[in-house]
């Protein structure tokens, strides 16, 4: 009997909470959608150019001997954006990057 009462109480409370909040959420979405559509187009073009630049930088990192696609991406994400930055980096910094081993570091240090 108590469980029936609690379930009815929950359904009444839940229905009233949803009906009060639902129109407010719809109004907010309608007002912000016109503003956000303008900002979305701006951010899309910025992210496209950033992703294109990052892909180009990762491709240039693969020109280093022993650096493949995965290690180039790991190096790029670790902050080594150019081949010069990779060659000039300390051994400890390069070894801290996941996917970069001692043999790769030795190959890169021969380029110095």
C-alpha atoms as a PDB file:
ATOM      1  CA  UNK A   1       0.000   0.000   0.000  1.00  0.00           C
ATOM      2  CA  UNK A   2       2.835   2.364   0.836  1.00  0.00           C
ATOM      3  CA  UNK A   3       4.631   1.482  -2.380  1.00  0.00           C
ATOM      4  CA  UNK A   4       1.516   2.367  -4.407  1.00  0.00           C
ATOM      5  CA  UNK A   5       1.290   5.681  -2.616  1.00  0.00           C
ATOM      6  CA  UNK A   6       4.977   6.423  -3.252  1.00  0.00           C
ATOM      7  CA  UNK A   7       4.716   5.517  -6.917  1.00  0.00           C
ATOM      8  CA  UNK A   8       1.695   7.812  -7.357  1.00  0.00           C
ATOM      9  CA  UNK A   9       3.498  10.580  -5.519  1.00  0.00           C
ATOM     10  CA  UNK A  10       6.568  10.157  -7.728  1.00  0.00           C
ATOM     11  CA  UNK A  11       4.486  10.234 -10.886  1.00  0.00           C
ATOM     12  CA  UNK A  12       2.688  13.396  -9.776  1.00  0.00           C
ATOM     13  CA  UNK A  13       5.916  15.130  -8.788  1.00  0.00           C
ATOM     14  CA  UNK A  14       7.698  14.022 -11.915  1.00  0.00           C
ATOM     15  CA  UNK A  15       4.914  15.204 -14.212  1.00  0.00           C
ATOM     16  CA  UNK A  16       4.701  18.609 -12.561  1.00  0.00           C
ATOM     17  CA  UNK A  17       8.491  19.098 -12.655  1.00  0.00           C
ATOM     18  CA  UNK A  18       8.671  18.199 -16.341  1.00  0.00           C
ATOM     19  CA  UNK A  19       5.754  20.390 -17.353  1.00  0.00           C
ATOM     20  CA  UNK A  20       7.203  23.434 -15.572  1.00  0.00           C
ATOM     21  CA  UNK A  21      10.743  23.091 -16.938  1.00  0.00           C
ATOM     22  CA  UNK A  22      10.029  21.875 -20.444  1.00  0.00           C
ATOM     23  CA  UNK A  23       8.730  25.152 -21.941  1.00  0.00           C
ATOM     24  CA  UNK A  24      11.693  27.068 -20.508  1.00  0.00           C
ATOM     25  CA  UNK A  25      14.190  24.754 -22.136  1.00  0.00           C
ATOM     26  CA  UNK A  26      12.455  25.018 -25.483  1.00  0.00           C
ATOM     27  CA  UNK A  27      12.471  28.806 -25.329  1.00  0.00           C
ATOM     28  CA  UNK A  28      16.161  28.917 -24.501  1.00  0.00           C
ATOM     29  CA  UNK A  29      17.008  26.624 -27.385  1.00  0.00           C
ATOM     30  CA  UNK A  30      14.972  28.705 -29.788  1.00  0.00           C
ATOM     31  CA  UNK A  31      16.640  31.963 -28.761  1.00  0.00           C
ATOM     32  CA  UNK A  32      20.173  30.621 -28.714  1.00  0.00           C
ATOM     33  CA  UNK A  33      19.912  28.699 -31.959  1.00  0.00           C
ATOM     34  CA  UNK A  34      20.013  31.845 -34.080  1.00  0.00           C
ATOM     35  CA  UNK A  35      23.087  33.111 -32.248  1.00  0.00           C
ATOM     36  CA  UNK A  36      24.872  29.773 -32.181  1.00  0.00           C
ATOM     37  CA  UNK A  37      24.408  29.187 -35.908  1.00  0.00           C
ATOM     38  CA  UNK A  38      26.571  32.227 -36.626  1.00  0.00           C
ATOM     39  CA  UNK A  39      29.301  31.171 -34.225  1.00  0.00           C
ATOM     40  CA  UNK A  40      29.237  27.584 -35.437  1.00  0.00           C
ATOM     41  CA  UNK A  41      30.135  28.595 -38.971  1.00  0.00           C
ATOM     42  CA  UNK A  42      33.054  30.658 -37.711  1.00  0.00           C
ATOM     43  CA  UNK A  43      34.396  27.884 -35.509  1.00  0.00           C
ATOM     44  CA  UNK A  44      33.994  25.279 -38.229  1.00  0.00           C
ATOM     45  CA  UNK A  45      36.263  27.176 -40.573  1.00  0.00           C
ATOM     46  CA  UNK A  46      38.832  27.726 -37.840  1.00  0.00           C
ATOM     47  CA  UNK A  47      38.887  24.068 -36.853  1.00  0.00           C
ATOM     48  CA  UNK A  48      39.189  22.998 -40.482  1.00  0.00           C
ATOM     49  CA  UNK A  49      42.284  25.115 -40.976  1.00  0.00           C
ATOM     50  CA  UNK A  50      43.752  23.901 -37.696  1.00  0.00           C
ATOM     51  CA  UNK A  51      43.137  20.276 -38.616  1.00  0.00           C
ATOM     52  CA  UNK A  52      44.643  20.817 -42.073  1.00  0.00           C
ATOM     53  CA  UNK A  53      47.713  22.448 -40.531  1.00  0.00           C
ATOM     54  CA  UNK A  54      48.106  19.674 -37.979  1.00  0.00           C
ATOM     55  CA  UNK A  55      47.856  17.025 -40.697  1.00  0.00           C
ATOM     56  CA  UNK A  56      50.531  18.795 -42.718  1.00  0.00           C
ATOM     57  CA  UNK A  57      52.790  19.074 -39.691  1.00  0.00           C
ATOM     58  CA  UNK A  58      52.324  15.399 -38.856  1.00  0.00           C
ATOM     59  CA  UNK A  59      53.144  14.473 -42.452  1.00  0.00           C
ATOM     60  CA  UNK A  60      56.343  16.515 -42.304  1.00  0.00           C
ATOM     61  CA  UNK A  61      57.343  14.745 -39.094  1.00  0.00           C
ATOM     62  CA  UNK A  62      57.111  11.413 -40.918  1.00  0.00           C
ATOM     63  CA  UNK A  63      59.985  12.541 -43.160  1.00  0.00           C
ATOM     64  CA  UNK A  64      62.337  11.995 -40.232  1.00  0.00           C
ATOM     65  CA  UNK A  65      64.086   8.604 -40.316  1.00  0.00           C
ATOM     66  CA  UNK A  66      62.330   6.014 -38.185  1.00  0.00           C
ATOM     67  CA  UNK A  67      59.255   8.157 -37.573  1.00  0.00           C
ATOM     68  CA  UNK A  68      56.017   6.633 -38.750  1.00  0.00           C
ATOM     69  CA  UNK A  69      52.481   7.916 -38.673  1.00  0.00           C
ATOM     70  CA  UNK A  70      51.779   6.887 -35.072  1.00  0.00           C
ATOM     71  CA  UNK A  71      54.990   8.240 -33.613  1.00  0.00           C
ATOM     72  CA  UNK A  72      54.629  11.446 -35.667  1.00  0.00           C
ATOM     73  CA  UNK A  73      51.168  11.981 -34.233  1.00  0.00           C
ATOM     74  CA  UNK A  74      52.442  11.294 -30.720  1.00  0.00           C
ATOM     75  CA  UNK A  75      55.310  13.742 -31.193  1.00  0.00           C
ATOM     76  CA  UNK A  76      52.941  16.391 -32.547  1.00  0.00           C
ATOM     77  CA  UNK A  77      50.554  15.974 -29.637  1.00  0.00           C
ATOM     78  CA  UNK A  78      53.491  16.192 -27.212  1.00  0.00           C
ATOM     79  CA  UNK A  79      54.322  19.633 -28.565  1.00  0.00           C
ATOM     80  CA  UNK A  80      56.976  18.912 -31.191  1.00  0.00           C
ATOM     81  CA  UNK A  81      55.369  20.671 -34.150  1.00  0.00           C
ATOM     82  CA  UNK A  82      58.349  20.810 -36.545  1.00  0.00           C
ATOM     83  CA  UNK A  83      61.214  18.562 -37.518  1.00  0.00           C
ATOM     84  CA  UNK A  84      63.661  21.111 -36.139  1.00  0.00           C
ATOM     85  CA  UNK A  85      61.954  20.960 -32.764  1.00  0.00           C
ATOM     86  CA  UNK A  86      62.240  17.183 -32.721  1.00  0.00           C
ATOM     87  CA  UNK A  87      65.913  17.207 -33.683  1.00  0.00           C
ATOM     88  CA  UNK A  88      66.761  19.926 -31.138  1.00  0.00           C
ATOM     89  CA  UNK A  89      64.855  18.248 -28.282  1.00  0.00           C
ATOM     90  CA  UNK A  90      66.563  16.539 -25.368  1.00  0.00           C
ATOM     91  CA  UNK A  91      66.633  12.760 -25.251  1.00  0.00           C
ATOM     92  CA  UNK A  92      64.633  12.715 -22.017  1.00  0.00           C
ATOM     93  CA  UNK A  93      61.871  14.807 -23.556  1.00  0.00           C
ATOM     94  CA  UNK A  94      61.643  12.532 -26.587  1.00  0.00           C
ATOM     95  CA  UNK A  95      61.622   9.376 -24.472  1.00  0.00           C
ATOM     96  CA  UNK A  96      58.733  10.797 -22.438  1.00  0.00           C
ATOM     97  CA  UNK A  97      56.541  10.643 -25.558  1.00  0.00           C
ATOM     98  CA  UNK A  98      54.594   7.414 -25.864  1.00  0.00           C
ATOM     99  CA  UNK A  99      55.584   5.478 -28.969  1.00  0.00           C
ATOM    100  CA  UNK A 100      59.123   6.845 -29.029  1.00  0.00           C
ATOM    101  CA  UNK A 101      61.861   4.450 -28.009  1.00  0.00           C
ATOM    102  CA  UNK A 102      65.584   4.607 -27.498  1.00  0.00           C
ATOM    103  CA  UNK A 103      66.348   3.411 -31.025  1.00  0.00           C
ATOM    104  CA  UNK A 104      64.294   6.208 -32.560  1.00  0.00           C
ATOM    105  CA  UNK A 105      66.001   8.751 -30.326  1.00  0.00           C
ATOM    106  CA  UNK A 106      69.413   7.475 -31.462  1.00  0.00           C
ATOM    107  CA  UNK A 107      68.405   7.833 -35.114  1.00  0.00           C
ATOM    108  CA  UNK A 108      67.180  11.370 -34.504  1.00  0.00           C
ATOM    109  CA  UNK A 109      70.325  12.381 -32.620  1.00  0.00           C
ATOM    110  CA  UNK A 110      72.477  11.283 -35.576  1.00  0.00           C
ATOM    111  CA  UNK A 111      70.778  14.040 -37.602  1.00  0.00           C
ATOM    112  CA  UNK A 112      72.126  16.790 -35.317  1.00  0.00           C
END
